[in-house]
Amino acid sequence: MILNQRHLLYALREYEAFYNSHRPHQDIANVRPLAPPPEPITNPDRLAHLNMHRNDRLGGILHEYDRAA
């Protein structure tokens, strides 16, 4: 729920940052628009041990997923 103009502008900035920097695009092989494509993981041992970390934005409406270090 948007409370006022300030909250709306904040939500729009968050969505814009998410859309342009993190969100994968299915039309370009799930690559973020401002990042080069990642190297494919072909080693089966590495595939079995991928540690993923989820960050919620905008109160859990948007989700970012990254590999944990």
C-alpha atoms as a PDB file:
ATOM      1  CA  MET A   1       0.000   0.000   0.000  1.00  0.00           C
ATOM      2  CA  ILE A   2       1.423   3.382  -1.017  1.00  0.00           C
ATOM      3  CA  LEU A   3       0.962   5.922   1.761  1.00  0.00           C
ATOM      4  CA  ASN A   4       1.963   9.239   0.159  1.00  0.00           C
ATOM      5  CA  GLN A   5       3.989  10.792  -2.657  1.00  0.00           C
ATOM      6  CA  ARG A   6       7.303  10.329  -0.836  1.00  0.00           C
ATOM      7  CA  HIS A   7       6.572   6.635  -0.331  1.00  0.00           C
ATOM      8  CA  LEU A   8       5.553   6.283  -3.990  1.00  0.00           C
ATOM      9  CA  LEU A   9       8.813   7.862  -5.191  1.00  0.00           C
ATOM     10  CA  TYR A  10      10.797   5.545  -2.903  1.00  0.00           C
ATOM     11  CA  ALA A  11       8.958   2.485  -4.246  1.00  0.00           C
ATOM     12  CA  LEU A  12       9.545   3.575  -7.843  1.00  0.00           C
ATOM     13  CA  ARG A  13      13.290   4.118  -7.222  1.00  0.00           C
ATOM     14  CA  GLU A  14      13.581   0.679  -5.602  1.00  0.00           C
ATOM     15  CA  TYR A  15      11.757  -0.997  -8.480  1.00  0.00           C
ATOM     16  CA  GLU A  16      13.849   0.861 -11.064  1.00  0.00           C
ATOM     17  CA  ALA A  17      17.084  -0.221  -9.370  1.00  0.00           C
ATOM     18  CA  PHE A  18      15.824  -3.810  -9.148  1.00  0.00           C
ATOM     19  CA  TYR A  19      14.664  -3.853 -12.778  1.00  0.00           C
ATOM     20  CA  ASN A  20      17.853  -2.354 -14.221  1.00  0.00           C
ATOM     21  CA  SER A  21      20.505  -3.954 -12.058  1.00  0.00           C
ATOM     22  CA  HIS A  22      19.336  -7.264 -10.645  1.00  0.00           C
ATOM     23  CA  ARG A  23      16.234  -8.644 -12.329  1.00  0.00           C
ATOM     24  CA  PRO A  24      17.101 -11.350 -14.893  1.00  0.00           C
ATOM     25  CA  HIS A  25      15.619 -10.942 -18.337  1.00  0.00           C
ATOM     26  CA  GLN A  26      14.384 -14.106 -20.000  1.00  0.00           C
ATOM     27  CA  ASP A  27      14.728 -12.604 -23.477  1.00  0.00           C
ATOM     28  CA  ILE A  28      18.504 -12.412 -23.110  1.00  0.00           C
ATOM     29  CA  ALA A  29      19.256 -15.763 -21.477  1.00  0.00           C
ATOM     30  CA  ASN A  30      18.368 -14.639 -17.934  1.00  0.00           C
ATOM     31  CA  VAL A  31      21.102 -12.000 -17.867  1.00  0.00           C
ATOM     32  CA  ARG A  32      20.789  -8.757 -15.967  1.00  0.00           C
ATOM     33  CA  PRO A  33      20.727  -5.825 -18.401  1.00  0.00           C
ATOM     34  CA  LEU A  34      23.783  -4.041 -16.943  1.00  0.00           C
ATOM     35  CA  ALA A  35      25.952  -7.089 -16.252  1.00  0.00           C
ATOM     36  CA  PRO A  36      27.869  -9.469 -18.501  1.00  0.00           C
ATOM     37  CA  PRO A  37      26.602 -13.042 -18.710  1.00  0.00           C
ATOM     38  CA  PRO A  38      27.988 -15.320 -15.987  1.00  0.00           C
ATOM     39  CA  GLU A  39      30.235 -18.245 -16.832  1.00  0.00           C
ATOM     40  CA  PRO A  40      28.271 -21.508 -16.977  1.00  0.00           C
ATOM     41  CA  ILE A  41      28.833 -23.994 -14.157  1.00  0.00           C
ATOM     42  CA  THR A  42      29.536 -27.366 -15.728  1.00  0.00           C
ATOM     43  CA  ASN A  43      31.165 -29.178 -12.794  1.00  0.00           C
ATOM     44  CA  PRO A  44      28.493 -31.430 -11.185  1.00  0.00           C
ATOM     45  CA  ASP A  45      30.133 -31.106  -7.749  1.00  0.00           C
ATOM     46  CA  ARG A  46      29.767 -27.314  -7.832  1.00  0.00           C
ATOM     47  CA  LEU A  47      26.141 -27.582  -8.962  1.00  0.00           C
ATOM     48  CA  ALA A  48      25.283 -29.729  -5.944  1.00  0.00           C
ATOM     49  CA  HIS A  49      26.695 -27.158  -3.497  1.00  0.00           C
ATOM     50  CA  LEU A  50      25.342 -23.813  -4.664  1.00  0.00           C
ATOM     51  CA  ASN A  51      24.654 -21.573  -1.676  1.00  0.00           C
ATOM     52  CA  MET A  52      21.931 -19.080  -2.515  1.00  0.00           C
ATOM     53  CA  HIS A  53      20.990 -16.014  -0.492  1.00  0.00           C
ATOM     54  CA  ARG A  54      17.677 -14.164  -0.868  1.00  0.00           C
ATOM     55  CA  ASN A  55      17.255 -10.436  -0.216  1.00  0.00           C
ATOM     56  CA  ASP A  56      13.757  -9.005   0.026  1.00  0.00           C
ATOM     57  CA  ARG A  57      13.081  -5.479  -1.232  1.00  0.00           C
ATOM     58  CA  LEU A  58       9.998  -3.330  -0.895  1.00  0.00           C
ATOM     59  CA  GLY A  59       8.723  -5.315   2.056  1.00  0.00           C
ATOM     60  CA  GLY A  60       9.078  -8.670   0.320  1.00  0.00           C
ATOM     61  CA  ILE A  61       7.411  -7.722  -2.976  1.00  0.00           C
ATOM     62  CA  LEU A  62      10.715  -7.979  -4.877  1.00  0.00           C
ATOM     63  CA  HIS A  63      13.228 -10.784  -4.288  1.00  0.00           C
ATOM     64  CA  GLU A  64      16.912 -10.776  -5.201  1.00  0.00           C
ATOM     65  CA  TYR A  65      18.862 -14.033  -5.290  1.00  0.00           C
ATOM     66  CA  ASP A  66      22.660 -14.160  -5.107  1.00  0.00           C
ATOM     67  CA  ARG A  67      25.197 -16.859  -4.526  1.00  0.00           C
ATOM     68  CA  ALA A  68      26.443 -16.671  -0.955  1.00  0.00           C
ATOM     69  CA  ALA A  69      30.192 -16.373  -0.447  1.00  0.00           C
END
